[in-house]
Protein backbone atom coordinates (compact mmCIF):
# COMPACT_ATOMS: atom_id res chain seq x y z
CA MET A 1 9.58 -5.71 8.26
CA SER A 2 10.96 -8.25 10.67
CA THR A 3 9.01 -9.06 13.81
CA GLU A 4 11.99 -8.69 16.10
CA SER A 5 13.81 -5.55 17.11
CA SER A 6 16.88 -4.72 19.13
CA PRO A 7 17.05 -1.97 21.77
CA HIS A 8 20.46 -1.07 20.34
CA VAL A 9 19.10 -0.16 16.90
CA PRO A 10 19.07 3.64 16.43
CA LEU A 11 15.65 5.13 15.73
CA TRP A 12 16.86 7.18 12.78
CA ASN A 13 18.37 4.40 10.74
CA LEU A 14 18.26 4.10 6.95
CA ALA A 15 15.12 1.95 6.91
CA ASN A 16 13.13 4.38 9.06
CA VAL A 17 14.41 7.37 7.10
CA LEU A 18 13.10 5.77 3.89
CA THR A 19 9.76 5.18 5.59
CA MET A 20 9.53 8.83 6.59
CA VAL A 21 10.55 9.87 3.07
CA ARG A 22 7.54 7.89 1.84
CA VAL A 23 5.33 9.75 4.31
CA ALA A 24 6.76 13.09 3.14
CA LEU A 25 6.13 12.20 -0.50
CA VAL A 26 2.40 11.73 0.06
CA PRO A 27 1.55 15.47 0.25
CA VAL A 28 3.95 16.14 -2.64
CA PHE A 29 2.06 13.57 -4.69
CA ALA A 30 -1.29 15.11 -3.70
CA VAL A 31 -0.22 18.63 -4.69
CA LEU A 32 1.03 17.41 -8.06
CA MET A 33 -2.23 15.54 -8.64
CA LEU A 34 -4.10 18.79 -8.18
CA GLY A 35 -2.12 20.32 -11.02
CA ASP A 36 -3.80 20.80 -14.36
CA SER A 37 -1.17 19.76 -16.88
CA THR A 38 0.36 16.67 -18.41
CA ALA A 39 3.71 17.52 -16.82
CA THR A 40 2.33 17.66 -13.27
CA ARG A 41 0.41 14.43 -13.83
CA ILE A 42 3.54 12.64 -15.02
CA ALA A 43 5.45 14.09 -12.06
CA ALA A 44 2.73 12.81 -9.71
CA THR A 45 3.05 9.36 -11.25
CA VAL A 46 6.82 9.38 -10.79
CA VAL A 47 6.48 10.46 -7.15
CA PHE A 48 3.89 7.75 -6.52
CA LEU A 49 6.12 5.04 -8.01
CA ALA A 50 9.15 6.32 -6.11
CA ALA A 51 7.22 6.27 -2.85
CA ALA A 52 5.86 2.78 -3.58
CA ALA A 53 9.38 1.55 -4.32
CA THR A 54 10.63 2.65 -0.89
CA ASP A 55 8.13 0.24 0.69
CA LYS A 56 10.04 -2.84 -0.48
CA LEU A 57 13.40 -1.15 -0.03
CA ASP A 58 13.01 -0.09 3.59
CA GLY A 59 11.68 -3.51 4.57
CA HIS A 60 14.59 -5.27 2.87
CA ILE A 61 17.13 -2.96 4.50
CA ALA A 62 15.58 -3.35 7.95
CA ARG A 63 15.60 -7.14 7.76
CA SER A 64 18.98 -7.61 6.10
CA ARG A 65 20.84 -5.11 8.30
CA GLY A 66 19.08 -5.77 11.58
CA LEU A 67 17.57 -2.29 11.68
CA VAL A 68 14.07 -3.23 12.78
CA THR A 69 12.50 -0.92 15.38
CA ASN A 70 9.08 -0.68 16.99
CA PHE A 71 8.73 2.73 15.37
CA GLY A 72 9.33 1.18 11.95
CA LYS A 73 6.74 -1.53 12.57
CA ILE A 74 4.12 1.15 13.19
CA ALA A 75 5.22 3.81 10.70
CA ASP A 76 5.75 1.45 7.75
CA PRO A 77 2.13 0.27 7.34
CA ILE A 78 0.84 3.77 8.07
CA ALA A 79 3.02 5.16 5.28
CA ASP A 80 1.83 2.46 2.89
CA LYS A 81 -1.83 3.08 3.59
CA ALA A 82 -1.43 6.87 3.41
CA LEU A 83 0.05 6.61 -0.08
CA VAL A 84 -2.54 4.21 -1.49
CA ILE A 85 -5.52 5.88 0.19
CA SER A 86 -4.51 9.36 -0.99
CA ALA A 87 -4.14 8.08 -4.57
CA LEU A 88 -7.53 6.33 -4.48
CA LEU A 89 -9.34 9.36 -3.06
CA LEU A 90 -7.78 11.72 -5.59
CA LEU A 91 -8.62 9.41 -8.50
CA TRP A 92 -12.19 9.15 -7.23
CA ALA A 93 -12.47 12.92 -6.70
CA GLU A 94 -11.54 13.57 -10.31
CA GLY A 95 -14.05 10.99 -11.52
CA THR A 96 -11.51 8.46 -12.80
CA ILE A 97 -12.62 5.53 -10.63
CA PRO A 98 -16.04 4.75 -9.08
CA TRP A 99 -16.69 5.51 -5.42
CA TRP A 100 -16.99 1.88 -4.33
CA VAL A 101 -13.37 1.10 -5.25
CA PRO A 102 -11.78 3.39 -2.62
CA VAL A 103 -14.51 2.47 -0.12
CA VAL A 104 -13.85 -1.28 -0.37
CA ILE A 105 -10.07 -0.95 -0.39
CA ILE A 106 -9.88 1.65 2.39
CA VAL A 107 -12.24 -0.28 4.69
CA ARG A 108 -10.23 -3.45 4.11
CA GLU A 109 -6.81 -1.81 4.55
CA LEU A 110 -7.68 0.08 7.72
CA GLY A 111 -9.65 -2.82 9.14
CA ILE A 112 -6.91 -5.41 8.61
CA THR A 113 -4.20 -3.01 9.83
CA ALA A 114 -6.18 -2.52 13.04
CA LEU A 115 -6.73 -6.28 13.31
CA ARG A 116 -3.01 -7.01 12.96
CA PHE A 117 -2.20 -4.48 15.69
CA VAL A 118 -4.78 -6.09 17.99
CA MET A 119 -3.52 -9.60 17.27
CA VAL A 120 0.18 -8.77 17.64
CA ARG A 121 0.05 -9.59 21.37
CA ARG A 122 -0.87 -13.16 20.49
CA ALA A 123 0.89 -13.73 17.19
CA VAL A 124 2.40 -11.73 14.34
CA MET A 125 0.24 -12.06 11.24
CA ALA A 126 2.80 -11.90 8.47
CA ALA A 127 1.81 -10.75 5.01
CA SER A 128 0.63 -13.66 2.89
CA ASN A 129 1.42 -14.22 -0.78
CA GLY A 130 -2.14 -13.11 -1.50
CA GLY A 131 -1.52 -9.90 0.41
CA LYS A 132 1.60 -9.25 -1.62
CA LEU A 133 -0.34 -9.89 -4.85
CA LYS A 134 -2.99 -7.47 -3.62
CA THR A 135 -0.39 -4.77 -3.12
CA VAL A 136 1.10 -5.30 -6.58
CA LEU A 137 -2.31 -5.18 -8.28
CA GLN A 138 -3.25 -2.02 -6.42
CA ILE A 139 -0.03 -0.28 -7.42
CA VAL A 140 -0.42 -1.41 -11.04
CA PHE A 141 -3.98 -0.20 -11.52
CA ILE A 142 -3.41 3.05 -9.63
CA THR A 143 -0.34 3.77 -11.76
CA ALA A 144 -2.27 2.91 -14.91
CA TYR A 145 -4.87 5.51 -14.01
CA LEU A 146 -2.30 8.10 -12.95
CA VAL A 147 -0.47 8.14 -16.29
CA PRO A 148 -2.09 10.63 -18.72
CA TRP A 149 -2.31 8.09 -21.55
CA GLU A 150 -4.61 10.25 -23.67
CA SER A 151 -1.92 12.90 -23.83
CA LEU A 152 0.85 10.43 -24.60
CA LEU A 153 -0.76 7.90 -26.94
CA PRO A 154 -3.21 7.88 -29.84
CA GLN A 155 -6.79 7.74 -28.56
CA ALA A 156 -7.33 4.12 -29.63
CA ALA A 157 -4.19 2.94 -27.82
CA ALA A 158 -5.08 4.98 -24.74
CA ASP A 159 -8.54 3.40 -24.69
CA VAL A 160 -7.02 -0.09 -24.75
CA VAL A 161 -4.71 0.73 -21.84
CA LEU A 162 -7.60 2.15 -19.81
CA VAL A 163 -9.74 -0.92 -20.45
CA CYS A 164 -6.89 -3.10 -19.21
CA ALA A 165 -6.55 -0.82 -16.18
CA TRP A 166 -10.26 -1.30 -15.45
CA TRP A 167 -9.95 -5.09 -15.39
CA VAL A 168 -6.80 -4.97 -13.26
CA MET A 169 -8.70 -2.70 -10.87
CA LEU A 170 -11.57 -5.20 -10.60
CA LEU A 171 -9.08 -8.00 -9.97
CA ALA A 172 -7.31 -5.89 -7.35
CA VAL A 173 -10.60 -5.23 -5.53
CA LEU A 174 -11.46 -8.96 -5.62
CA VAL A 175 -8.05 -9.99 -4.25
CA THR A 176 -8.27 -7.21 -1.66
CA VAL A 177 -11.58 -8.60 -0.35
CA VAL A 178 -10.48 -12.25 -0.46
CA THR A 179 -7.20 -11.61 1.35
CA GLY A 180 -9.01 -9.48 3.91
CA LEU A 181 -11.35 -12.38 4.68
CA ASP A 182 -8.31 -14.67 4.90
CA TYR A 183 -6.77 -12.41 7.57
CA VAL A 184 -10.01 -12.51 9.55
CA VAL A 185 -10.13 -16.32 9.39
CA ARG A 186 -6.49 -16.53 10.49
CA ALA A 187 -7.15 -14.13 13.37
CA VAL A 188 -10.11 -16.21 14.56
CA ARG A 189 -8.02 -19.38 14.47
CA ILE A 190 -5.23 -17.72 16.44
CA ALA A 191 -7.69 -16.40 19.01
CA GLN A 192 -9.26 -19.84 19.44
CA ALA A 193 -5.96 -21.73 19.63
CA PRO A 194 -4.64 -22.76 23.06
CA ALA A 195 -1.94 -20.42 24.37
CA THR A 196 0.73 -23.11 23.98
CA ASP A 197 -0.01 -23.38 20.24
CA ARG A 198 0.49 -19.69 19.54
CA ARG A 199 3.75 -18.59 17.98
């Protein structure tokens, strides 16, 4: 979302409503994931994708319509992390992905979110292209593991899809780590820069 907000923007605007819808969809997604049928798994996948889609939509609406609020700045990243973290933990709990995947991603996401909040007094650390790629890769591999391919495709085809999902997951973890280090380097440079150089 934009880094500027107006005191005249109503709290419950369309962008913030979409953000809260994403928050509300997280427990719905979790309940569906706990179901034991192909139908509930497909429904969980649809809910996950719908929630992920609201991330780009609410940000676009807030910027284009001047609906940025301080509440939105805080709630938006929290909603994003809640969705991804819940999906990772549920996939790990069912044995679909190894434990180190959610550990690495969760530590990075929470750590960088905290870092950006700390640094906001000095400079706004906007999402980089690498950060955007990270988000896309995470959504892609999580979705690939959410879909019950073995119930929808022949076993050989399902195996190919899952192998591809594995490699996308590894790439997502790599980009997650690299972009996290990039944020740390940027934060150090901002902290060391003279006050007149900070924007």
